[in-house]
């Protein structure tokens, strides 16, 4: 029996799934973009004549102190400082230990609500005790020139300190390795998500035997635990980045932490739903599957730029639609090209190709519309699109999608020929073309993973 029964499936599960997506958007609280350092006391490069008793860091947005880590070092010793708040919610205060004297390096790290780590380094000289800037007014803060900090992904847009305050080559190398590791985790997560949800969508709308196909069942058997493992690893990385005794609780205060825990729970439910001996049958199974898919896509959007930047209600909706359309198109391509055209009977394969052509057309339209809206919402300006790392990755993704569209147009002509002349050679040629198109889709997934860890222009 197919996972999705076609009778009555086309009404109830879709309606329930749409309702669930609307509820996700409706309950979302206000968004907050990436934070950044505005000023500090002592200032970067300062050499005060009197010894300051504490360090004050003032940020552009309210600071979640449990996610802020500050370490101070001299030429002979280093230690982590305890942060505390002030009447100004954008300020963090740290007492300078008595042993600190002479040239000082202060490294700070702040984990944002979307899981992005923003960090920077300040250098100044400590002398004898003196005044502090605890009473800095809001007007003074607003008029202070922005001191920008490096995003952990090495992206533009989170701003950079001047050359004298850049981190050492060792820490820069560590940051590169961490960025690559984070990117690989995202790539594997996306591939497993595309495999699981793509098989469900293809089974529902294109080729009903997809869920019972032995090869695709093995894919599910690999993708399901892989998605769980990568999710757990991402959560562990987030907790480690925050550090401290209450690191997990602090991680749960971020959108990314909430998203990762929700994904774990939802994927476990989806696995139970996919289990062959599940007691859930018929339309109830189809409805539950549709709800879980929408919730997983909503949870994915919750932990990224869709949730943490401006127009977040629109962002959550567009992100879920964008992902669903991409999964239906790219995963459907791979399944139809690698399995349907080789395993299905000629007439069955022909009908599946016609259905996929319709699904692909709808998906591409939704993908393009949601992509344009997200690009305007996230990048913020043409300059950010052209000059920023996130903007350039977006342009690279557009080029890859355009290439997929060009191949897709050629494949539509091959589908028409297959309809009139369903020969083995026509099917082989179509299979090769679709496989090439799916390979471009994997490149799109890789670029998308990089987009997630890069800081967008509007942040």
Protein backbone atom coordinates (compact mmCIF):
# COMPACT_ATOMS: atom_id res chain seq x y z
CA UNK A 1 0.00 0.00 0.00
CA UNK A 2 1.30 3.47 -0.86
CA UNK A 3 2.18 5.74 2.03
CA UNK A 4 -0.06 8.39 0.55
CA UNK A 5 -3.38 7.12 -0.70
CA UNK A 6 -4.61 9.19 -3.56
CA UNK A 7 -8.25 8.95 -2.58
CA UNK A 8 -9.21 11.93 -0.44
CA UNK A 9 -5.49 12.66 0.17
CA UNK A 10 -5.56 15.65 -2.12
CA UNK A 11 -7.92 17.55 0.17
CA UNK A 12 -7.61 16.83 3.88
CA UNK A 13 -3.81 16.51 4.40
CA UNK A 14 -3.12 19.59 2.28
CA UNK A 15 -5.63 21.64 4.20
CA UNK A 16 -4.26 20.50 7.56
CA UNK A 17 -0.67 21.10 6.45
CA UNK A 18 -1.49 24.63 5.32
CA UNK A 19 -3.24 25.30 8.64
CA UNK A 20 -0.18 24.06 10.57
CA UNK A 21 2.10 26.39 8.58
CA UNK A 22 -0.17 29.34 9.34
CA UNK A 23 -0.07 28.50 13.06
CA UNK A 24 3.75 28.40 13.01
CA UNK A 25 3.83 31.87 11.49
CA UNK A 26 1.14 33.22 13.83
CA UNK A 27 2.86 32.20 17.08
CA UNK A 28 6.33 33.44 16.09
CA UNK A 29 7.56 36.27 18.37
CA UNK A 30 9.46 39.31 17.13
CA UNK A 31 12.64 38.76 15.13
CA UNK A 32 16.17 39.92 15.92
CA UNK A 33 19.03 40.18 13.43
CA UNK A 34 22.70 39.49 14.14
CA UNK A 35 24.21 41.48 16.98
CA UNK A 36 27.46 43.46 16.73
CA UNK A 37 29.80 45.39 18.99
CA UNK A 38 29.22 49.13 18.97
CA UNK A 39 31.81 50.41 21.45
CA UNK A 40 34.01 49.39 24.36
CA UNK A 41 35.70 50.91 27.37
CA UNK A 42 38.66 50.83 27.25
CA UNK A 43 38.46 51.36 23.50
CA UNK A 44 40.40 49.22 21.09
CA UNK A 45 44.01 50.43 20.97
CA UNK A 46 43.59 52.67 24.05
CA UNK A 47 46.34 53.28 26.61
CA UNK A 48 44.58 55.06 29.51
CA UNK A 49 46.81 56.92 31.96
CA UNK A 50 44.82 55.54 34.91
CA UNK A 51 44.03 51.89 35.50
CA UNK A 52 40.44 50.93 34.56
CA UNK A 53 38.66 48.68 37.06
CA UNK A 54 36.42 46.98 34.51
CA UNK A 55 35.72 46.44 30.84
CA UNK A 56 32.42 47.51 29.30
CA UNK A 57 31.22 46.11 25.98
CA UNK A 58 28.23 47.84 24.37
CA UNK A 59 26.39 46.05 21.58
CA UNK A 60 23.91 47.14 18.94
CA UNK A 61 21.16 44.95 20.42
CA UNK A 62 20.25 43.51 23.81
CA UNK A 63 22.83 41.02 25.06
CA UNK A 64 21.94 37.52 26.25
CA UNK A 65 24.74 37.33 28.85
CA UNK A 66 24.82 33.49 29.17
CA UNK A 67 25.81 33.28 25.47
CA UNK A 68 28.63 35.84 25.85
CA UNK A 69 32.16 34.59 26.53
CA UNK A 70 35.00 37.03 27.29
CA UNK A 71 38.65 36.08 27.86
CA UNK A 72 41.42 38.47 28.89
CA UNK A 73 45.13 37.75 28.46
CA UNK A 74 48.47 39.39 29.15
CA UNK A 75 51.89 38.20 28.05
CA UNK A 76 52.10 35.82 31.01
CA UNK A 77 48.57 34.79 31.98
CA UNK A 78 44.98 34.54 30.76
CA UNK A 79 41.55 33.91 32.27
CA UNK A 80 37.86 33.97 31.41
CA UNK A 81 35.92 36.92 32.77
CA UNK A 82 32.47 36.72 34.32
CA UNK A 83 29.98 38.95 32.51
CA UNK A 84 27.22 40.84 34.29
CA UNK A 85 24.52 43.21 33.14
CA UNK A 86 23.79 46.88 33.61
CA UNK A 87 20.75 49.14 33.44
CA UNK A 88 21.54 49.32 29.76
CA UNK A 89 20.47 45.91 28.35
CA UNK A 90 22.91 46.33 25.48
CA UNK A 91 25.93 46.50 27.83
CA UNK A 92 28.05 43.76 29.39
CA UNK A 93 30.47 44.48 32.26
CA UNK A 94 33.53 42.51 33.37
CA UNK A 95 35.81 43.27 36.32
CA UNK A 96 39.52 43.43 35.44
CA UNK A 97 41.56 41.15 37.76
CA UNK A 98 44.22 42.82 39.92
CA UNK A 99 47.06 40.89 38.25
CA UNK A 100 46.27 42.34 34.81
CA UNK A 101 48.82 44.97 33.79
CA UNK A 102 50.51 46.18 30.64
CA UNK A 103 49.42 45.16 27.11
CA UNK A 104 46.13 43.27 27.19
CA UNK A 105 44.27 41.16 24.61
CA UNK A 106 40.54 40.73 25.19
CA UNK A 107 38.66 38.21 23.05
CA UNK A 108 34.86 38.11 23.12
CA UNK A 109 32.37 35.70 21.56
CA UNK A 110 28.60 36.09 21.36
CA UNK A 111 26.22 33.40 20.13
CA UNK A 112 23.18 34.94 18.44
CA UNK A 113 19.58 33.75 18.53
CA UNK A 114 20.05 32.06 15.14
CA UNK A 115 23.13 30.18 16.35
CA UNK A 116 25.61 32.38 14.49
CA UNK A 117 28.70 33.17 16.54
CA UNK A 118 30.00 36.74 16.31
CA UNK A 119 33.42 37.33 17.81
CA UNK A 120 36.14 39.94 17.98
CA UNK A 121 39.40 40.94 19.64
CA UNK A 122 40.31 44.15 21.46
CA UNK A 123 43.80 45.26 22.50
CA UNK A 124 44.55 47.96 25.04
CA UNK A 125 46.96 48.75 27.88
CA UNK A 126 46.07 48.55 31.58
CA UNK A 127 47.62 50.99 34.05
CA UNK A 128 46.46 52.27 37.47
CA UNK A 129 42.73 52.41 38.63
CA UNK A 130 40.52 54.99 36.97
CA UNK A 131 36.96 55.86 35.79
CA UNK A 132 34.60 53.71 33.79
CA UNK A 133 31.77 54.28 31.34
CA UNK A 134 29.00 52.46 33.17
CA UNK A 135 26.68 55.41 32.82
CA UNK A 136 26.96 55.69 29.06
CA UNK A 137 23.67 57.13 27.88
CA UNK A 138 21.58 55.77 25.06
CA UNK A 139 22.30 58.92 23.04
CA UNK A 140 26.03 58.48 23.55
CA UNK A 141 25.79 54.86 22.48
CA UNK A 142 23.78 55.75 19.40
CA UNK A 143 26.33 58.37 18.35
CA UNK A 144 29.33 56.07 18.85
CA UNK A 145 30.96 54.87 15.59
CA UNK A 146 30.29 51.20 15.02
CA UNK A 147 33.15 48.83 15.85
CA UNK A 148 32.46 45.82 13.73
CA UNK A 149 33.20 42.22 14.53
CA UNK A 150 33.92 39.08 12.58
CA UNK A 151 31.17 36.52 12.09
CA UNK A 152 32.25 32.95 12.83
CA UNK A 153 31.48 31.99 9.26
CA UNK A 154 33.90 34.65 8.03
CA UNK A 155 31.11 36.53 6.30
CA UNK A 156 30.79 40.17 5.43
CA UNK A 157 28.02 42.15 7.07
CA UNK A 158 28.87 41.44 10.70
CA UNK A 159 31.65 44.05 10.38
CA UNK A 160 35.36 43.87 11.09
CA UNK A 161 37.70 45.37 13.63
CA UNK A 162 40.69 47.30 12.38
CA UNK A 163 43.86 45.47 11.37
CA UNK A 164 45.50 45.94 14.79
CA UNK A 165 42.72 43.95 16.50
CA UNK A 166 42.54 40.99 14.14
CA UNK A 167 42.95 37.53 15.62
CA UNK A 168 46.08 35.47 15.24
CA UNK A 169 46.73 33.17 12.30
CA UNK A 170 46.05 30.17 14.50
CA UNK A 171 42.60 31.37 15.50
CA UNK A 172 41.88 32.33 11.89
CA UNK A 173 42.80 28.80 10.77
CA UNK A 174 40.58 27.36 13.49
CA UNK A 175 37.72 29.56 12.33
CA UNK A 176 38.15 28.30 8.75
CA UNK A 177 38.12 24.68 9.89
CA UNK A 178 35.02 25.30 12.02
CA UNK A 179 33.28 27.00 9.11
CA UNK A 180 34.02 24.09 6.79
CA UNK A 181 32.84 21.62 9.43
CA UNK A 182 29.63 23.59 9.97
CA UNK A 183 29.06 23.72 6.22
CA UNK A 184 29.55 19.96 5.87
CA UNK A 185 27.07 19.33 8.67
CA UNK A 186 24.53 21.54 6.90
CA UNK A 187 25.13 19.79 3.56
CA UNK A 188 24.54 16.34 5.07
CA UNK A 189 21.47 17.62 6.91
CA UNK A 190 20.00 19.04 3.73
CA UNK A 191 20.76 15.89 1.71
CA UNK A 192 19.08 13.68 4.28
CA UNK A 193 16.10 16.04 4.53
CA UNK A 194 15.77 16.07 0.73
CA UNK A 195 15.95 12.26 0.67
CA UNK A 196 13.28 11.65 3.32
CA UNK A 197 10.79 14.35 2.36
CA UNK A 198 11.50 13.97 -1.37
CA UNK A 199 10.56 10.29 -1.33
CA UNK A 200 7.30 11.12 0.45
CA UNK A 201 6.40 13.89 -2.02
CA UNK A 202 7.33 11.76 -5.03
CA UNK A 203 5.26 8.88 -3.70
CA UNK A 204 2.29 11.20 -3.21
CA UNK A 205 2.31 13.07 -6.51
CA UNK A 206 4.48 11.29 -9.07
CA UNK A 207 5.22 7.61 -8.56
CA UNK A 208 3.27 5.82 -5.81
CA UNK A 209 5.62 2.77 -5.56
CA UNK A 210 8.49 5.07 -4.48
CA UNK A 211 8.05 4.22 -0.80
CA UNK A 212 8.04 0.49 -1.44
CA UNK A 213 11.01 0.56 -3.85
CA UNK A 214 13.81 -1.49 -2.18
CA UNK A 215 16.58 0.96 -3.09
CA UNK A 216 14.62 3.96 -1.84
CA UNK A 217 13.75 2.07 1.33
CA UNK A 218 17.50 1.64 1.91
CA UNK A 219 17.97 5.35 1.27
CA UNK A 220 15.40 6.06 3.99
CA UNK A 221 17.21 3.61 6.27
CA UNK A 222 20.44 5.61 5.83
CA UNK A 223 18.98 9.12 5.71
CA UNK A 224 16.86 8.76 8.84
CA UNK A 225 19.71 8.03 11.33
CA UNK A 226 22.06 10.40 9.45
CA UNK A 227 19.61 13.27 9.93
CA UNK A 228 19.28 12.45 13.62
CA UNK A 229 23.06 12.29 14.09
CA UNK A 230 23.80 15.54 12.26
CA UNK A 231 21.07 17.29 14.24
CA UNK A 232 22.52 16.06 17.53
CA UNK A 233 26.03 17.13 16.46
CA UNK A 234 24.79 20.62 15.50
CA UNK A 235 23.10 20.94 18.88
CA UNK A 236 26.28 19.80 20.64
CA UNK A 237 28.33 22.38 18.68
CA UNK A 238 25.90 25.12 19.69
CA UNK A 239 26.08 24.12 23.37
CA UNK A 240 29.90 23.98 23.18
CA UNK A 241 30.05 27.43 21.55
CA UNK A 242 28.03 28.92 24.40
CA UNK A 243 29.91 27.08 27.15
CA UNK A 244 29.34 27.31 30.90
CA UNK A 245 27.27 25.27 33.34
CA UNK A 246 23.95 26.44 31.88
CA UNK A 247 25.03 26.10 28.23
CA UNK A 248 22.14 23.83 27.25
CA UNK A 249 19.53 26.11 28.83
CA UNK A 250 21.12 29.08 27.07
CA UNK A 251 21.09 27.16 23.78
CA UNK A 252 17.37 26.60 24.23
CA UNK A 253 16.99 30.36 24.35
CA UNK A 254 18.20 30.60 20.76
CA UNK A 255 16.05 29.96 17.71
CA UNK A 256 18.61 27.48 16.40
CA UNK A 257 18.56 25.45 19.63
CA UNK A 258 14.77 25.36 19.64
CA UNK A 259 14.79 24.38 15.98
CA UNK A 260 17.27 21.52 16.45
CA UNK A 261 15.35 19.99 19.37
CA UNK A 262 12.08 20.29 17.45
CA UNK A 263 13.69 18.59 14.44
CA UNK A 264 14.85 15.68 16.58
CA UNK A 265 11.37 15.07 17.96
CA UNK A 266 9.62 15.51 14.60
CA UNK A 267 12.03 13.30 12.67
CA UNK A 268 11.55 10.55 15.27
CA UNK A 269 7.78 10.79 14.78
CA UNK A 270 8.26 10.74 11.00
CA UNK A 271 10.42 7.64 11.32
CA UNK A 272 7.68 5.93 13.31
CA UNK A 273 5.18 6.96 10.65
CA UNK A 274 7.40 5.54 7.90
CA UNK A 275 7.95 2.26 9.74
CA UNK A 276 6.45 -0.53 7.59
CA UNK A 277 4.63 -2.17 10.53
CA UNK A 278 3.14 1.08 11.76
CA UNK A 279 -0.44 0.71 12.99
CA UNK A 280 -1.40 4.02 11.38
CA UNK A 281 -3.20 3.32 8.13
CA UNK A 282 -4.93 5.01 5.25
CA UNK A 283 -5.87 8.68 5.27
CA UNK A 284 -4.79 9.10 8.90
CA UNK A 285 -1.28 8.07 7.94
CA UNK A 286 -1.29 10.43 4.97
CA UNK A 287 -2.55 13.34 7.08
CA UNK A 288 0.01 12.69 9.83
CA UNK A 289 2.79 12.46 7.24
CA UNK A 290 1.78 15.78 5.67
CA UNK A 291 1.62 17.50 9.09
CA UNK A 292 5.05 16.17 10.09
CA UNK A 293 6.61 17.29 6.81
CA UNK A 294 5.25 20.82 7.23
CA UNK A 295 6.34 20.94 10.88
CA UNK A 296 9.86 19.78 9.96
CA UNK A 297 10.12 22.44 7.26
CA UNK A 298 8.76 25.02 9.70
CA UNK A 299 11.30 23.97 12.34
CA UNK A 300 14.07 24.23 9.75
CA UNK A 301 12.99 27.76 8.89
CA UNK A 302 12.71 28.70 12.58
CA UNK A 303 16.42 28.15 13.16
CA UNK A 304 17.72 30.22 10.25
CA UNK A 305 17.64 33.63 8.61
CA UNK A 306 13.91 33.27 7.93
CA UNK A 307 13.28 33.65 11.65
CA UNK A 308 16.05 35.96 12.80
CA UNK A 309 15.81 38.78 10.24
CA UNK A 310 13.20 41.36 9.25
CA UNK A 311 9.67 40.49 8.06
CA UNK A 312 9.99 37.18 9.88
CA UNK A 313 6.35 36.09 9.40
CA UNK A 314 6.79 36.39 5.65
CA UNK A 315 10.24 34.85 5.96
CA UNK A 316 8.99 31.73 7.75
CA UNK A 317 6.26 31.17 5.16
CA UNK A 318 8.51 31.77 2.16
CA UNK A 319 11.30 29.62 3.56
CA UNK A 320 8.99 26.65 4.11
CA UNK A 321 7.53 27.04 0.60
CA UNK A 322 11.01 27.48 -0.88
CA UNK A 323 12.30 24.30 0.75
CA UNK A 324 9.23 22.25 -0.15
CA UNK A 325 9.47 23.36 -3.79
CA UNK A 326 13.20 22.64 -3.96
CA UNK A 327 12.73 19.19 -2.41
CA UNK A 328 9.87 18.30 -4.76
CA UNK A 329 11.90 19.38 -7.81
CA UNK A 330 15.42 18.15 -7.00
CA UNK A 331 14.53 14.96 -5.14
CA UNK A 332 11.86 14.16 -7.67
CA UNK A 333 14.44 14.49 -10.44
CA UNK A 334 16.80 12.05 -8.77
CA UNK A 335 14.08 9.50 -8.01
CA UNK A 336 12.47 9.64 -11.44
CA UNK A 337 15.82 9.58 -13.26
CA UNK A 338 17.48 6.84 -11.23
CA UNK A 339 14.55 4.60 -10.27
CA UNK A 340 11.27 5.27 -12.07
CA UNK A 341 12.71 5.20 -15.60
CA UNK A 342 14.60 1.98 -14.87
CA UNK A 343 12.13 0.05 -12.69
CA UNK A 344 8.66 1.07 -13.87
CA UNK A 345 6.91 -0.37 -16.89
CA UNK A 346 7.06 1.86 -19.99
CA UNK A 347 3.48 3.09 -19.68
CA UNK A 348 3.84 3.64 -15.91
CA UNK A 349 7.11 5.52 -16.41
CA UNK A 350 5.50 7.66 -19.10
CA UNK A 351 2.63 8.67 -16.82
CA UNK A 352 5.02 9.31 -13.94
CA UNK A 353 7.09 11.63 -16.15
CA UNK A 354 4.00 13.58 -17.14
CA UNK A 355 2.97 13.99 -13.50
CA UNK A 356 6.50 15.01 -12.54
CA UNK A 357 6.58 17.58 -15.33
CA UNK A 358 3.49 19.24 -13.82
CA UNK A 359 4.92 19.04 -10.27
CA UNK A 360 8.25 20.47 -11.46
CA UNK A 361 6.52 23.40 -13.19
CA UNK A 362 4.60 24.28 -10.02
CA UNK A 363 7.72 23.82 -7.88
CA UNK A 364 9.88 26.03 -10.10
CA UNK A 365 7.28 28.78 -10.01
CA UNK A 366 7.03 28.60 -6.21
CA UNK A 367 10.82 28.38 -5.93
CA UNK A 368 11.36 31.48 -8.06
CA UNK A 369 8.67 33.58 -6.35
CA UNK A 370 9.73 32.68 -2.79
CA UNK A 371 13.41 33.06 -3.73
CA UNK A 372 12.96 36.60 -5.01
CA UNK A 373 11.02 37.60 -1.88
CA UNK A 374 13.67 36.05 0.37
CA UNK A 375 16.47 37.74 -1.57
CA UNK A 376 14.90 41.17 -1.09
CA UNK A 377 14.14 40.46 2.57
CA UNK A 378 17.56 39.05 3.46
CA UNK A 379 20.03 41.04 1.36
CA UNK A 380 18.44 44.43 1.92
CA UNK A 381 20.23 46.25 -0.91
CA UNK A 382 21.81 45.73 -4.32
CA UNK A 383 25.22 46.60 -2.87
CA UNK A 384 24.91 43.80 -0.29
CA UNK A 385 23.86 41.38 -3.03
CA UNK A 386 26.90 42.19 -5.13
CA UNK A 387 29.57 42.87 -2.53
CA UNK A 388 28.65 40.67 0.45
CA UNK A 389 29.58 37.00 0.83
CA UNK A 390 25.94 36.02 1.35
CA UNK A 391 24.90 38.03 -1.71
CA UNK A 392 27.55 36.44 -3.92
CA UNK A 393 26.51 32.98 -2.79
CA UNK A 394 22.92 33.91 -3.63
CA UNK A 395 24.01 34.92 -7.14
CA UNK A 396 25.92 31.63 -7.52
CA UNK A 397 22.78 29.76 -6.48
CA UNK A 398 20.77 31.70 -9.08
CA UNK A 399 23.24 30.68 -11.79
CA UNK A 400 22.99 27.01 -10.79
CA UNK A 401 19.18 27.15 -10.73
CA UNK A 402 19.17 28.84 -14.14
CA UNK A 403 21.29 25.99 -15.51
CA UNK A 404 18.83 23.50 -14.03
CA UNK A 405 15.96 25.34 -15.68
CA UNK A 406 17.73 25.21 -19.05
CA UNK A 407 18.23 21.46 -18.72
CA UNK A 408 14.66 21.10 -17.48
CA UNK A 409 13.37 22.80 -20.61
CA UNK A 410 15.29 20.30 -22.74
CA UNK A 411 13.92 17.45 -20.65
CA UNK A 412 10.35 18.63 -21.19
CA UNK A 413 10.89 18.22 -24.92
CA UNK A 414 12.24 14.72 -24.28
CA UNK A 415 9.13 13.93 -22.22
CA UNK A 416 6.97 14.89 -25.20
CA UNK A 417 9.00 12.55 -27.42
CA UNK A 418 8.69 9.80 -24.81
CA UNK A 419 4.91 10.25 -24.89
CA UNK A 420 4.81 9.64 -28.63
CA UNK A 421 7.71 7.19 -28.97
CA UNK A 422 8.24 5.36 -25.66
CA UNK A 423 11.34 3.45 -26.78
CA UNK A 424 14.21 2.19 -24.59
CA UNK A 425 16.69 4.60 -26.21
CA UNK A 426 14.41 7.57 -25.53
CA UNK A 427 14.12 6.55 -21.89
CA UNK A 428 17.91 6.17 -21.56
CA UNK A 429 18.52 9.61 -23.04
CA UNK A 430 15.93 11.15 -20.74
CA UNK A 431 17.43 9.37 -17.75
CA UNK A 432 20.90 10.72 -18.50
CA UNK A 433 19.57 14.26 -18.90
CA UNK A 434 17.56 14.09 -15.68
CA UNK A 435 20.57 12.72 -13.78
CA UNK A 436 22.65 15.69 -14.95
CA UNK A 437 19.91 18.05 -13.83
CA UNK A 438 19.79 16.35 -10.43
CA UNK A 439 23.59 16.74 -10.11
CA UNK A 440 23.15 20.48 -10.52
CA UNK A 441 20.53 20.25 -7.81
CA UNK A 442 23.13 18.84 -5.41
CA UNK A 443 25.32 21.86 -6.20
CA UNK A 444 22.35 24.09 -5.29
CA UNK A 445 22.03 22.25 -1.97
CA UNK A 446 25.74 22.79 -1.24
CA UNK A 447 25.43 26.52 -1.95
CA UNK A 448 22.29 26.71 0.20
CA UNK A 449 24.20 25.16 3.11
CA UNK A 450 26.85 27.87 2.71
CA UNK A 451 24.15 30.54 2.67
CA UNK A 452 22.83 29.35 6.00
CA UNK A 453 26.19 29.85 7.76
CA UNK A 454 26.98 33.20 6.09
CA UNK A 455 25.85 36.54 7.50
CA UNK A 456 23.32 38.26 5.18
CA UNK A 457 23.57 41.89 4.16
CA UNK A 458 20.48 43.05 6.05
CA UNK A 459 21.92 41.79 9.37
